[in-house]
Amino acid sequence: MFEDTYVNARNYLGQVKETQEMVDILEKRISLRKEIGIETDELEEELVEAREDLKVQKSNTAESLSRLSRPNVALVMIKRYVDLETWVQIAQEMDMTVRSVQSLHGYGLVEMEAQLGDKE
């Protein structure tokens, strides 16, 4: 039940990671094609578009997250969903425990879900 409550927020916030994964896949495909001498122009055009999409998604996501009511919650969410950092990285950078970071993340999900609900 807890998971279902934040499906919309998690889906929205997960878009950056999905697009980053697409960029990574395209980069790998281009690299492998170049190794064996296959033309890559079409894939490179796709990669340019994917990178542009990623920039836009990161900007939009950061903008949404910056509206969260508590700066430390917004920072955790931006580090997690825009910078794609791990819990450990975030905790170390913010000089907190992983559990504290995850707790702030929980508050952020609740607020994001409310924001997304307001848009519908």
PDB file of N, CA and C in Angstrom:
ATOM      1  N   MET A   1       0.815  -1.185   0.000  1.00  0.00           N
ATOM      2  CA  MET A   1       0.000   0.000   0.000  1.00  0.00           C
ATOM      3  C   MET A   1       0.868   1.262   0.000  1.00  0.00           C
ATOM      4  N   PHE A   2       1.908   1.304   0.821  1.00  0.00           N
ATOM      5  CA  PHE A   2       2.800   2.463   0.862  1.00  0.00           C
ATOM      6  C   PHE A   2       3.367   2.751  -0.525  1.00  0.00           C
ATOM      7  N   GLU A   3       3.809   1.700  -1.231  1.00  0.00           N
ATOM      8  CA  GLU A   3       4.358   1.868  -2.574  1.00  0.00           C
ATOM      9  C   GLU A   3       3.341   2.496  -3.516  1.00  0.00           C
ATOM     10  N   ASP A   4       2.094   2.014  -3.494  1.00  0.00           N
ATOM     11  CA  ASP A   4       1.068   2.501  -4.408  1.00  0.00           C
ATOM     12  C   ASP A   4       0.789   3.985  -4.217  1.00  0.00           C
ATOM     13  N   THR A   5       0.925   4.470  -3.017  1.00  0.00           N
ATOM     14  CA  THR A   5       0.634   5.869  -2.727  1.00  0.00           C
ATOM     15  C   THR A   5       1.513   6.804  -3.541  1.00  0.00           C
ATOM     16  N   TYR A   6       2.741   6.392  -3.828  1.00  0.00           N
ATOM     17  CA  TYR A   6       3.700   7.276  -4.476  1.00  0.00           C
ATOM     18  C   TYR A   6       4.040   6.862  -5.903  1.00  0.00           C
ATOM     19  N   VAL A   7       3.193   6.036  -6.516  1.00  0.00           N
ATOM     20  CA  VAL A   7       3.477   5.569  -7.870  1.00  0.00           C
ATOM     21  C   VAL A   7       3.625   6.748  -8.825  1.00  0.00           C
ATOM     22  N   ASN A   8       2.704   7.713  -8.776  1.00  0.00           N
ATOM     23  CA  ASN A   8       2.792   8.851  -9.683  1.00  0.00           C
ATOM     24  C   ASN A   8       4.065   9.656  -9.467  1.00  0.00           C
ATOM     25  N   ALA A   9       4.398   9.950  -8.217  1.00  0.00           N
ATOM     26  CA  ALA A   9       5.606  10.716  -7.923  1.00  0.00           C
ATOM     27  C   ALA A   9       6.842   9.939  -8.363  1.00  0.00           C
ATOM     28  N   ARG A  10       6.897   8.670  -8.040  1.00  0.00           N
ATOM     29  CA  ARG A  10       8.067   7.863  -8.430  1.00  0.00           C
ATOM     30  C   ARG A  10       8.180   7.747  -9.947  1.00  0.00           C
ATOM     31  N   ASN A  11       7.052   7.591 -10.639  1.00  0.00           N
ATOM     32  CA  ASN A  11       7.091   7.523 -12.102  1.00  0.00           C
ATOM     33  C   ASN A  11       7.594   8.834 -12.695  1.00  0.00           C
ATOM     34  N   TYR A  12       7.059   9.928 -12.197  1.00  0.00           N
ATOM     35  CA  TYR A  12       7.488  11.243 -12.668  1.00  0.00           C
ATOM     36  C   TYR A  12       8.979  11.445 -12.409  1.00  0.00           C
ATOM     37  N   LEU A  13       9.405  11.173 -11.199  1.00  0.00           N
ATOM     38  CA  LEU A  13      10.795  11.392 -10.831  1.00  0.00           C
ATOM     39  C   LEU A  13      11.742  10.395 -11.513  1.00  0.00           C
ATOM     40  N   GLY A  14      11.235   9.230 -11.874  1.00  0.00           N
ATOM     41  CA  GLY A  14      12.054   8.207 -12.522  1.00  0.00           C
ATOM     42  C   GLY A  14      12.342   8.476 -13.986  1.00  0.00           C
ATOM     43  N   GLN A  15      11.715   9.473 -14.563  1.00  0.00           N
ATOM     44  CA  GLN A  15      11.921   9.767 -15.984  1.00  0.00           C
ATOM     45  C   GLN A  15      13.361  10.152 -16.291  1.00  0.00           C
ATOM     46  N   VAL A  16      13.998  10.885 -15.400  1.00  0.00           N
ATOM     47  CA  VAL A  16      15.386  11.287 -15.625  1.00  0.00           C
ATOM     48  C   VAL A  16      16.274  10.052 -15.709  1.00  0.00           C
ATOM     49  N   LYS A  17      16.093   9.126 -14.781  1.00  0.00           N
ATOM     50  CA  LYS A  17      16.923   7.916 -14.781  1.00  0.00           C
ATOM     51  C   LYS A  17      16.710   7.098 -16.059  1.00  0.00           C
ATOM     52  N   GLU A  18      15.464   6.976 -16.490  1.00  0.00           N
ATOM     53  CA  GLU A  18      15.179   6.231 -17.715  1.00  0.00           C
ATOM     54  C   GLU A  18      15.851   6.874 -18.926  1.00  0.00           C
ATOM     55  N   THR A  19      15.793   8.189 -19.000  1.00  0.00           N
ATOM     56  CA  THR A  19      16.418   8.875 -20.131  1.00  0.00           C
ATOM     57  C   THR A  19      17.935   8.765 -20.054  1.00  0.00           C
ATOM     58  N   GLN A  20      18.494   8.845 -18.841  1.00  0.00           N
ATOM     59  CA  GLN A  20      19.940   8.661 -18.688  1.00  0.00           C
ATOM     60  C   GLN A  20      20.353   7.266 -19.142  1.00  0.00           C
ATOM     61  N   GLU A  21      19.557   6.271 -18.816  1.00  0.00           N
ATOM     62  CA  GLU A  21      19.846   4.906 -19.248  1.00  0.00           C
ATOM     63  C   GLU A  21      19.800   4.801 -20.777  1.00  0.00           C
ATOM     64  N   MET A  22      18.863   5.493 -21.420  1.00  0.00           N
ATOM     65  CA  MET A  22      18.785   5.486 -22.874  1.00  0.00           C
ATOM     66  C   MET A  22      20.035   6.127 -23.478  1.00  0.00           C
ATOM     67  N   VAL A  23      20.494   7.225 -22.895  1.00  0.00           N
ATOM     68  CA  VAL A  23      21.727   7.870 -23.353  1.00  0.00           C
ATOM     69  C   VAL A  23      22.897   6.898 -23.224  1.00  0.00           C
ATOM     70  N   ASP A  24      22.989   6.226 -22.085  1.00  0.00           N
ATOM     71  CA  ASP A  24      24.070   5.261 -21.865  1.00  0.00           C
ATOM     72  C   ASP A  24      24.043   4.127 -22.888  1.00  0.00           C
ATOM     73  N   ILE A  25      22.843   3.637 -23.194  1.00  0.00           N
ATOM     74  CA  ILE A  25      22.698   2.551 -24.171  1.00  0.00           C
ATOM     75  C   ILE A  25      23.128   3.023 -25.556  1.00  0.00           C
ATOM     76  N   LEU A  26      22.681   4.198 -25.948  1.00  0.00           N
ATOM     77  CA  LEU A  26      23.059   4.729 -27.256  1.00  0.00           C
ATOM     78  C   LEU A  26      24.566   4.926 -27.352  1.00  0.00           C
ATOM     79  N   GLU A  27      25.175   5.445 -26.291  1.00  0.00           N
ATOM     80  CA  GLU A  27      26.628   5.617 -26.289  1.00  0.00           C
ATOM     81  C   GLU A  27      27.344   4.286 -26.462  1.00  0.00           C
ATOM     82  N   LYS A  28      26.859   3.257 -25.792  1.00  0.00           N
ATOM     83  CA  LYS A  28      27.472   1.928 -25.896  1.00  0.00           C
ATOM     84  C   LYS A  28      27.308   1.365 -27.307  1.00  0.00           C
ATOM     85  N   ARG A  29      26.099   1.504 -27.866  1.00  0.00           N
ATOM     86  CA  ARG A  29      25.858   1.009 -29.224  1.00  0.00           C
ATOM     87  C   ARG A  29      26.768   1.697 -30.232  1.00  0.00           C
ATOM     88  N   ILE A  30      26.923   3.009 -30.095  1.00  0.00           N
ATOM     89  CA  ILE A  30      27.798   3.758 -31.007  1.00  0.00           C
ATOM     90  C   ILE A  30      29.233   3.276 -30.872  1.00  0.00           C
ATOM     91  N   SER A  31      29.679   3.114 -29.643  1.00  0.00           N
ATOM     92  CA  SER A  31      31.050   2.650 -29.391  1.00  0.00           C
ATOM     93  C   SER A  31      31.293   1.284 -30.030  1.00  0.00           C
ATOM     94  N   LEU A  32      30.350   0.372 -29.834  1.00  0.00           N
ATOM     95  CA  LEU A  32      30.514  -0.976 -30.390  1.00  0.00           C
ATOM     96  C   LEU A  32      30.490  -0.963 -31.921  1.00  0.00           C
ATOM     97  N   ARG A  33      29.615  -0.155 -32.512  1.00  0.00           N
ATOM     98  CA  ARG A  33      29.563  -0.057 -33.973  1.00  0.00           C
ATOM     99  C   ARG A  33      30.862   0.508 -34.527  1.00  0.00           C
ATOM    100  N   LYS A  34      31.402   1.520 -33.860  1.00  0.00           N
ATOM    101  CA  LYS A  34      32.665   2.117 -34.318  1.00  0.00           C
ATOM    102  C   LYS A  34      33.797   1.109 -34.262  1.00  0.00           C
ATOM    103  N   GLU A  35      33.793   0.253 -33.227  1.00  0.00           N
ATOM    104  CA  GLU A  35      34.835  -0.766 -33.086  1.00  0.00           C
ATOM    105  C   GLU A  35      34.882  -1.713 -34.277  1.00  0.00           C
ATOM    106  N   ILE A  36      33.715  -1.992 -34.856  1.00  0.00           N
ATOM    107  CA  ILE A  36      33.683  -2.942 -35.976  1.00  0.00           C
ATOM    108  C   ILE A  36      33.452  -2.248 -37.320  1.00  0.00           C
ATOM    109  N   GLY A  37      33.501  -0.932 -37.317  1.00  0.00           N
ATOM    110  CA  GLY A  37      33.452  -0.183 -38.566  1.00  0.00           C
ATOM    111  C   GLY A  37      32.077   0.004 -39.183  1.00  0.00           C
ATOM    112  N   ILE A  38      31.041  -0.043 -38.371  1.00  0.00           N
ATOM    113  CA  ILE A  38      29.682   0.169 -38.876  1.00  0.00           C
ATOM    114  C   ILE A  38      29.311   1.640 -38.707  1.00  0.00           C
ATOM    115  N   GLU A  39      28.589   2.186 -39.678  1.00  0.00           N
ATOM    116  CA  GLU A  39      28.150   3.584 -39.683  1.00  0.00           C
ATOM    117  C   GLU A  39      27.309   3.892 -38.445  1.00  0.00           C
ATOM    118  N   THR A  40      27.525   5.093 -37.875  1.00  0.00           N
ATOM    119  CA  THR A  40      26.836   5.456 -36.628  1.00  0.00           C
ATOM    120  C   THR A  40      26.060   6.774 -36.717  1.00  0.00           C
ATOM    121  N   ASP A  41      25.983   7.378 -37.899  1.00  0.00           N
ATOM    122  CA  ASP A  41      25.363   8.707 -38.026  1.00  0.00           C
ATOM    123  C   ASP A  41      23.952   8.763 -37.452  1.00  0.00           C
ATOM    124  N   GLU A  42      23.128   7.784 -37.784  1.00  0.00           N
ATOM    125  CA  GLU A  42      21.738   7.776 -37.314  1.00  0.00           C
ATOM    126  C   GLU A  42      21.677   7.679 -35.784  1.00  0.00           C
ATOM    127  N   LEU A  43      22.494   6.790 -35.224  1.00  0.00           N
ATOM    128  CA  LEU A  43      22.521   6.648 -33.765  1.00  0.00           C
ATOM    129  C   LEU A  43      23.050   7.906 -33.088  1.00  0.00           C
ATOM    130  N   GLU A  44      24.009   8.556 -33.713  1.00  0.00           N
ATOM    131  CA  GLU A  44      24.564   9.776 -33.123  1.00  0.00           C
ATOM    132  C   GLU A  44      23.526  10.895 -33.122  1.00  0.00           C
ATOM    133  N   GLU A  45      22.681  10.964 -34.131  1.00  0.00           N
ATOM    134  CA  GLU A  45      21.587  11.935 -34.138  1.00  0.00           C
ATOM    135  C   GLU A  45      20.599  11.618 -33.012  1.00  0.00           C
ATOM    136  N   GLU A  46      20.313  10.330 -32.839  1.00  0.00           N
ATOM    137  CA  GLU A  46      19.423   9.903 -31.755  1.00  0.00           C
ATOM    138  C   GLU A  46      20.013  10.277 -30.392  1.00  0.00           C
ATOM    139  N   LEU A  47      21.321  10.111 -30.268  1.00  0.00           N
ATOM    140  CA  LEU A  47      22.012  10.423 -29.025  1.00  0.00           C
ATOM    141  C   LEU A  47      21.924  11.916 -28.716  1.00  0.00           C
ATOM    142  N   VAL A  48      22.096  12.755 -29.713  1.00  0.00           N
ATOM    143  CA  VAL A  48      21.987  14.209 -29.509  1.00  0.00           C
ATOM    144  C   VAL A  48      20.590  14.548 -28.992  1.00  0.00           C
ATOM    145  N   GLU A  49      19.562  13.958 -29.585  1.00  0.00           N
ATOM    146  CA  GLU A  49      18.179  14.199 -29.144  1.00  0.00           C
ATOM    147  C   GLU A  49      17.959  13.695 -27.719  1.00  0.00           C
ATOM    148  N   ALA A  50      18.471  12.509 -27.408  1.00  0.00           N
ATOM    149  CA  ALA A  50      18.305  11.940 -26.070  1.00  0.00           C
ATOM    150  C   ALA A  50      19.003  12.803 -25.024  1.00  0.00           C
ATOM    151  N   ARG A  51      20.182  13.305 -25.361  1.00  0.00           N
ATOM    152  CA  ARG A  51      20.896  14.177 -24.420  1.00  0.00           C
ATOM    153  C   ARG A  51      20.135  15.478 -24.194  1.00  0.00           C
ATOM    154  N   GLU A  52      19.535  16.008 -25.250  1.00  0.00           N
ATOM    155  CA  GLU A  52      18.736  17.230 -25.109  1.00  0.00           C
ATOM    156  C   GLU A  52      17.507  16.957 -24.240  1.00  0.00           C
ATOM    157  N   ASP A  53      16.841  15.825 -24.477  1.00  0.00           N
ATOM    158  CA  ASP A  53      15.696  15.433 -23.642  1.00  0.00           C
ATOM    159  C   ASP A  53      16.110  15.316 -22.178  1.00  0.00           C
ATOM    160  N   LEU A  54      17.271  14.742 -21.945  1.00  0.00           N
ATOM    161  CA  LEU A  54      17.769  14.577 -20.581  1.00  0.00           C
ATOM    162  C   LEU A  54      17.965  15.935 -19.900  1.00  0.00           C
ATOM    163  N   LYS A  55      18.549  16.886 -20.617  1.00  0.00           N
ATOM    164  CA  LYS A  55      18.744  18.223 -20.051  1.00  0.00           C
ATOM    165  C   LYS A  55      17.404  18.850 -19.671  1.00  0.00           C
ATOM    166  N   VAL A  56      16.425  18.728 -20.567  1.00  0.00           N
ATOM    167  CA  VAL A  56      15.106  19.315 -20.310  1.00  0.00           C
ATOM    168  C   VAL A  56      14.448  18.641 -19.109  1.00  0.00           C
ATOM    169  N   GLN A  57      14.502  17.310 -19.066  1.00  0.00           N
ATOM    170  CA  GLN A  57      13.902  16.582 -17.945  1.00  0.00           C
ATOM    171  C   GLN A  57      14.570  16.937 -16.626  1.00  0.00           C
ATOM    172  N   LYS A  58      15.886  17.028 -16.620  1.00  0.00           N
ATOM    173  CA  LYS A  58      16.590  17.393 -15.384  1.00  0.00           C
ATOM    174  C   LYS A  58      16.188  18.788 -14.933  1.00  0.00           C
ATOM    175  N   SER A  59      16.099  19.708 -15.871  1.00  0.00           N
ATOM    176  CA  SER A  59      15.708  21.075 -15.539  1.00  0.00           C
ATOM    177  C   SER A  59      14.290  21.119 -14.983  1.00  0.00           C
ATOM    178  N   ASN A  60      13.364  20.452 -15.650  1.00  0.00           N
ATOM    179  CA  ASN A  60      11.970  20.438 -15.197  1.00  0.00           C
ATOM    180  C   ASN A  60      11.826  19.774 -13.837  1.00  0.00           C
ATOM    181  N   THR A  61      12.538  18.678 -13.642  1.00  0.00           N
ATOM    182  CA  THR A  61      12.470  17.954 -12.375  1.00  0.00           C
ATOM    183  C   THR A  61      13.060  18.797 -11.248  1.00  0.00           C
ATOM    184  N   ALA A  62      14.211  19.414 -11.499  1.00  0.00           N
ATOM    185  CA  ALA A  62      14.829  20.269 -10.484  1.00  0.00           C
ATOM    186  C   ALA A  62      13.907  21.434 -10.135  1.00  0.00           C
ATOM    187  N   GLU A  63      13.247  21.983 -11.137  1.00  0.00           N
ATOM    188  CA  GLU A  63      12.309  23.085 -10.896  1.00  0.00           C
ATOM    189  C   GLU A  63      11.166  22.633  -9.990  1.00  0.00           C
ATOM    190  N   SER A  64      10.590  21.473 -10.282  1.00  0.00           N
ATOM    191  CA  SER A  64       9.505  20.942  -9.453  1.00  0.00           C
ATOM    192  C   SER A  64       9.972  20.677  -8.035  1.00  0.00           C
ATOM    193  N   LEU A  65      11.141  20.074  -7.915  1.00  0.00           N
ATOM    194  CA  LEU A  65      11.658  19.725  -6.591  1.00  0.00           C
ATOM    195  C   LEU A  65      12.050  20.961  -5.785  1.00  0.00           C
ATOM    196  N   SER A  66      12.459  22.008  -6.455  1.00  0.00           N
ATOM    197  CA  SER A  66      12.859  23.219  -5.732  1.00  0.00           C
ATOM    198  C   SER A  66      11.666  23.878  -5.044  1.00  0.00           C
ATOM    199  N   ARG A  67      10.464  23.496  -5.412  1.00  0.00           N
ATOM    200  CA  ARG A  67       9.253  24.057  -4.789  1.00  0.00           C
ATOM    201  C   ARG A  67       8.860  23.335  -3.494  1.00  0.00           C
ATOM    202  N   LEU A  68       9.583  22.290  -3.134  1.00  0.00           N
ATOM    203  CA  LEU A  68       9.271  21.593  -1.891  1.00  0.00           C
ATOM    204  C   LEU A  68       9.499  22.544  -0.716  1.00  0.00           C
ATOM    205  N   SER A  69       8.730  22.342   0.340  1.00  0.00           N
ATOM    206  CA  SER A  69       8.689  23.324   1.424  1.00  0.00           C
ATOM    207  C   SER A  69       9.969  23.403   2.261  1.00  0.00           C
ATOM    208  N   ARG A  70      10.728  22.321   2.329  1.00  0.00           N
ATOM    209  CA  ARG A  70      11.943  22.318   3.155  1.00  0.00           C
ATOM    210  C   ARG A  70      13.171  22.183   2.259  1.00  0.00           C
ATOM    211  N   PRO A  71      14.128  23.091   2.369  1.00  0.00           N
ATOM    212  CA  PRO A  71      15.315  23.036   1.505  1.00  0.00           C
ATOM    213  C   PRO A  71      16.093  21.720   1.599  1.00  0.00           C
ATOM    214  N   ASN A  72      16.204  21.153   2.816  1.00  0.00           N
ATOM    215  CA  ASN A  72      16.961  19.901   2.935  1.00  0.00           C
ATOM    216  C   ASN A  72      16.232  18.743   2.244  1.00  0.00           C
ATOM    217  N   VAL A  73      14.913  18.773   2.230  1.00  0.00           N
ATOM    218  CA  VAL A  73      14.141  17.751   1.508  1.00  0.00           C
ATOM    219  C   VAL A  73      14.341  17.938   0.012  1.00  0.00           C
ATOM    220  N   ALA A  74      14.255  19.183  -0.446  1.00  0.00           N
ATOM    221  CA  ALA A  74      14.461  19.467  -1.874  1.00  0.00           C
ATOM    222  C   ALA A  74      15.856  19.028  -2.313  1.00  0.00           C
ATOM    223  N   LEU A  75      16.857  19.290  -1.482  1.00  0.00           N
ATOM    224  CA  LEU A  75      18.228  18.920  -1.827  1.00  0.00           C
ATOM    225  C   LEU A  75      18.390  17.407  -1.940  1.00  0.00           C
ATOM    226  N   VAL A  76      17.827  16.669  -0.998  1.00  0.00           N
ATOM    227  CA  VAL A  76      17.881  15.207  -1.063  1.00  0.00           C
ATOM    228  C   VAL A  76      17.225  14.717  -2.353  1.00  0.00           C
ATOM    229  N   MET A  77      16.070  15.265  -2.665  1.00  0.00           N
ATOM    230  CA  MET A  77      15.331  14.823  -3.851  1.00  0.00           C
ATOM    231  C   MET A  77      16.079  15.163  -5.140  1.00  0.00           C
ATOM    232  N   ILE A  78      16.687  16.343  -5.181  1.00  0.00           N
ATOM    233  CA  ILE A  78      17.456  16.728  -6.374  1.00  0.00           C
ATOM    234  C   ILE A  78      18.678  15.833  -6.529  1.00  0.00           C
ATOM    235  N   LYS A  79      19.366  15.571  -5.430  1.00  0.00           N
ATOM    236  CA  LYS A  79      20.534  14.691  -5.508  1.00  0.00           C
ATOM    237  C   LYS A  79      20.130  13.289  -5.966  1.00  0.00           C
ATOM    238  N   ARG A  80      18.976  12.823  -5.527  1.00  0.00           N
ATOM    239  CA  ARG A  80      18.532  11.471  -5.862  1.00  0.00           C
ATOM    240  C   ARG A  80      17.988  11.377  -7.296  1.00  0.00           C
ATOM    241  N   TYR A  81      17.166  12.337  -7.685  1.00  0.00           N
ATOM    242  CA  TYR A  81      16.434  12.202  -8.945  1.00  0.00           C
ATOM    243  C   TYR A  81      16.967  13.034 -10.101  1.00  0.00           C
ATOM    244  N   VAL A  82      17.800  14.020  -9.832  1.00  0.00           N
ATOM    245  CA  VAL A  82      18.406  14.798 -10.916  1.00  0.00           C
ATOM    246  C   VAL A  82      19.864  14.382 -11.085  1.00  0.00           C
ATOM    247  N   ASP A  83      20.591  14.328  -9.963  1.00  0.00           N
ATOM    248  CA  ASP A  83      22.000  13.951 -10.004  1.00  0.00           C
ATOM    249  C   ASP A  83      22.199  12.442 -10.001  1.00  0.00           C
ATOM    250  N   LEU A  84      21.126  11.702  -9.712  1.00  0.00           N
ATOM    251  CA  LEU A  84      21.117  10.228  -9.703  1.00  0.00           C
ATOM    252  C   LEU A  84      22.153   9.640  -8.745  1.00  0.00           C
ATOM    253  N   GLU A  85      22.258  10.253  -7.565  1.00  0.00           N
ATOM    254  CA  GLU A  85      23.196   9.778  -6.555  1.00  0.00           C
ATOM    255  C   GLU A  85      22.581   8.664  -5.717  1.00  0.00           C
ATOM    256  N   THR A  86      23.447   7.853  -5.123  1.00  0.00           N
ATOM    257  CA  THR A  86      23.005   6.783  -4.236  1.00  0.00           C
ATOM    258  C   THR A  86      22.699   7.365  -2.856  1.00  0.00           C
ATOM    259  N   TRP A  87      22.017   6.553  -2.039  1.00  0.00           N
ATOM    260  CA  TRP A  87      21.725   6.988  -0.671  1.00  0.00           C
ATOM    261  C   TRP A  87      23.011   7.292   0.084  1.00  0.00           C
ATOM    262  N   VAL A  88      24.004   6.457  -0.094  1.00  0.00           N
ATOM    263  CA  VAL A  88      25.276   6.628   0.622  1.00  0.00           C
ATOM    264  C   VAL A  88      25.959   7.924   0.184  1.00  0.00           C
ATOM    265  N   GLN A  89      25.987   8.196  -1.114  1.00  0.00           N
ATOM    266  CA  GLN A  89      26.599   9.432  -1.595  1.00  0.00           C
ATOM    267  C   GLN A  89      25.902  10.661  -0.999  1.00  0.00           C
ATOM    268  N   ILE A  90      24.580  10.634  -1.020  1.00  0.00           N
ATOM    269  CA  ILE A  90      23.816  11.764  -0.489  1.00  0.00           C
ATOM    270  C   ILE A  90      24.094  11.939   1.000  1.00  0.00           C
ATOM    271  N   ALA A  91      24.068  10.844   1.735  1.00  0.00           N
ATOM    272  CA  ALA A  91      24.301  10.905   3.182  1.00  0.00           C
ATOM    273  C   ALA A  91      25.688  11.481   3.480  1.00  0.00           C
ATOM    274  N   GLN A  92      26.695  11.029   2.759  1.00  0.00           N
ATOM    275  CA  GLN A  92      28.054  11.532   2.986  1.00  0.00           C
ATOM    276  C   GLN A  92      28.147  13.022   2.674  1.00  0.00           C
ATOM    277  N   GLU A  93      27.571  13.437   1.548  1.00  0.00           N
ATOM    278  CA  GLU A  93      27.637  14.845   1.151  1.00  0.00           C
ATOM    279  C   GLU A  93      26.892  15.759   2.119  1.00  0.00           C
ATOM    280  N   MET A  94      25.808  15.244   2.697  1.00  0.00           N
ATOM    281  CA  MET A  94      24.992  16.061   3.594  1.00  0.00           C
ATOM    282  C   MET A  94      25.346  15.832   5.063  1.00  0.00           C
ATOM    283  N   ASP A  95      26.345  14.974   5.303  1.00  0.00           N
ATOM    284  CA  ASP A  95      26.791  14.658   6.661  1.00  0.00           C
ATOM    285  C   ASP A  95      25.621  14.173   7.523  1.00  0.00           C
ATOM    286  N   MET A  96      24.920  13.164   6.983  1.00  0.00           N
ATOM    287  CA  MET A  96      23.758  12.578   7.654  1.00  0.00           C
ATOM    288  C   MET A  96      23.868  11.064   7.567  1.00  0.00           C
ATOM    289  N   THR A  97      22.999  10.389   8.285  1.00  0.00           N
ATOM    290  CA  THR A  97      22.921   8.943   8.134  1.00  0.00           C
ATOM    291  C   THR A  97      22.063   8.633   6.907  1.00  0.00           C
ATOM    292  N   VAL A  98      22.251   7.457   6.368  1.00  0.00           N
ATOM    293  CA  VAL A  98      21.436   7.018   5.234  1.00  0.00           C
ATOM    294  C   VAL A  98      19.964   7.014   5.638  1.00  0.00           C
ATOM    295  N   ARG A  99      19.677   6.569   6.832  1.00  0.00           N
ATOM    296  CA  ARG A  99      18.287   6.518   7.306  1.00  0.00           C
ATOM    297  C   ARG A  99      17.664   7.913   7.372  1.00  0.00           C
ATOM    298  N   SER A 100      18.425   8.900   7.806  1.00  0.00           N
ATOM    299  CA  SER A 100      17.919  10.277   7.850  1.00  0.00           C
ATOM    300  C   SER A 100      17.624  10.797   6.444  1.00  0.00           C
ATOM    301  N   VAL A 101      18.515  10.484   5.524  1.00  0.00           N
ATOM    302  CA  VAL A 101      18.312  10.888   4.125  1.00  0.00           C
ATOM    303  C   VAL A 101      17.049  10.228   3.569  1.00  0.00           C
ATOM    304  N   GLN A 102      16.878   8.948   3.845  1.00  0.00           N
ATOM    305  CA  GLN A 102      15.701   8.241   3.358  1.00  0.00           C
ATOM    306  C   GLN A 102      14.418   8.781   3.992  1.00  0.00           C
ATOM    307  N   SER A 103      14.515   9.213   5.228  1.00  0.00           N
ATOM    308  CA  SER A 103      13.362   9.807   5.891  1.00  0.00           C
ATOM    309  C   SER A 103      12.973  11.126   5.208  1.00  0.00           C
ATOM    310  N   LEU A 104      13.959  11.966   4.918  1.00  0.00           N
ATOM    311  CA  LEU A 104      13.682  13.209   4.192  1.00  0.00           C
ATOM    312  C   LEU A 104      13.096  12.911   2.813  1.00  0.00           C
ATOM    313  N   HIS A 105      13.606  11.876   2.198  1.00  0.00           N
ATOM    314  CA  HIS A 105      13.085  11.443   0.888  1.00  0.00           C
ATOM    315  C   HIS A 105      11.603  11.096   0.990  1.00  0.00           C
ATOM    316  N   GLY A 106      11.227  10.424   2.055  1.00  0.00           N
ATOM    317  CA  GLY A 106       9.823  10.069   2.264  1.00  0.00           C
ATOM    318  C   GLY A 106       8.937  11.301   2.335  1.00  0.00           C
ATOM    319  N   TYR A 107       9.396  12.336   3.058  1.00  0.00           N
ATOM    320  CA  TYR A 107       8.654  13.599   3.119  1.00  0.00           C
ATOM    321  C   TYR A 107       8.537  14.205   1.722  1.00  0.00           C
ATOM    322  N   GLY A 108       9.637  14.123   0.979  1.00  0.00           N
ATOM    323  CA  GLY A 108       9.640  14.677  -0.375  1.00  0.00           C
ATOM    324  C   GLY A 108       8.649  13.981  -1.290  1.00  0.00           C
ATOM    325  N   LEU A 109       8.549  12.655  -1.169  1.00  0.00           N
ATOM    326  CA  LEU A 109       7.587  11.917  -1.991  1.00  0.00           C
ATOM    327  C   LEU A 109       6.151  12.336  -1.687  1.00  0.00           C
ATOM    328  N   VAL A 110       5.862  12.522  -0.407  1.00  0.00           N
ATOM    329  CA  VAL A 110       4.519  12.952  -0.018  1.00  0.00           C
ATOM    330  C   VAL A 110       4.200  14.311  -0.648  1.00  0.00           C
ATOM    331  N   GLU A 111       5.148  15.233  -0.549  1.00  0.00           N
ATOM    332  CA  GLU A 111       4.927  16.564  -1.123  1.00  0.00           C
ATOM    333  C   GLU A 111       4.820  16.520  -2.647  1.00  0.00           C
ATOM    334  N   MET A 112       5.665  15.716  -3.272  1.00  0.00           N
ATOM    335  CA  MET A 112       5.609  15.607  -4.740  1.00  0.00           C
ATOM    336  C   MET A 112       4.285  15.032  -5.188  1.00  0.00           C
ATOM    337  N   GLU A 113       3.818  14.044  -4.472  1.00  0.00           N
ATOM    338  CA  GLU A 113       2.522  13.438  -4.814  1.00  0.00           C
ATOM    339  C   GLU A 113       1.424  14.505  -4.724  1.00  0.00           C
ATOM    340  N   ALA A 114       1.502  15.360  -3.708  1.00  0.00           N
ATOM    341  CA  ALA A 114       0.528  16.441  -3.574  1.00  0.00           C
ATOM    342  C   ALA A 114       0.636  17.429  -4.735  1.00  0.00           C
ATOM    343  N   GLN A 115       1.873  17.752  -5.116  1.00  0.00           N
ATOM    344  CA  GLN A 115       2.086  18.648  -6.265  1.00  0.00           C
ATOM    345  C   GLN A 115       1.492  18.065  -7.532  1.00  0.00           C
ATOM    346  N   LEU A 116       1.758  16.790  -7.763  1.00  0.00           N
ATOM    347  CA  LEU A 116       1.249  16.135  -8.969  1.00  0.00           C
ATOM    348  C   LEU A 116      -0.261  16.034  -8.937  1.00  0.00           C
ATOM    349  N   GLY A 117      -0.806  15.829  -7.757  1.00  0.00           N
ATOM    350  CA  GLY A 117      -2.266  15.771  -7.613  1.00  0.00           C
ATOM    351  C   GLY A 117      -2.910  17.098  -7.937  1.00  0.00           C
ATOM    352  N   ASP A 118      -2.222  18.193  -7.625  1.00  0.00           N
ATOM    353  CA  ASP A 118      -2.730  19.531  -7.916  1.00  0.00           C
ATOM    354  C   ASP A 118      -2.770  19.800  -9.412  1.00  0.00           C
ATOM    355  N   LYS A 119      -1.896  19.146 -10.176  1.00  0.00           N
ATOM    356  CA  LYS A 119      -1.832  19.369 -11.627  1.00  0.00           C
ATOM    357  C   LYS A 119      -2.940  18.666 -12.373  1.00  0.00           C
ATOM    358  N   GLU A 120      -3.496  17.616 -11.756  1.00  0.00           N
ATOM    359  CA  GLU A 120      -4.507  16.812 -12.449  1.00  0.00           C
ATOM    360  C   GLU A 120      -5.850  17.482 -12.457  1.00  0.00           C
TER     361      GLU A 120
END
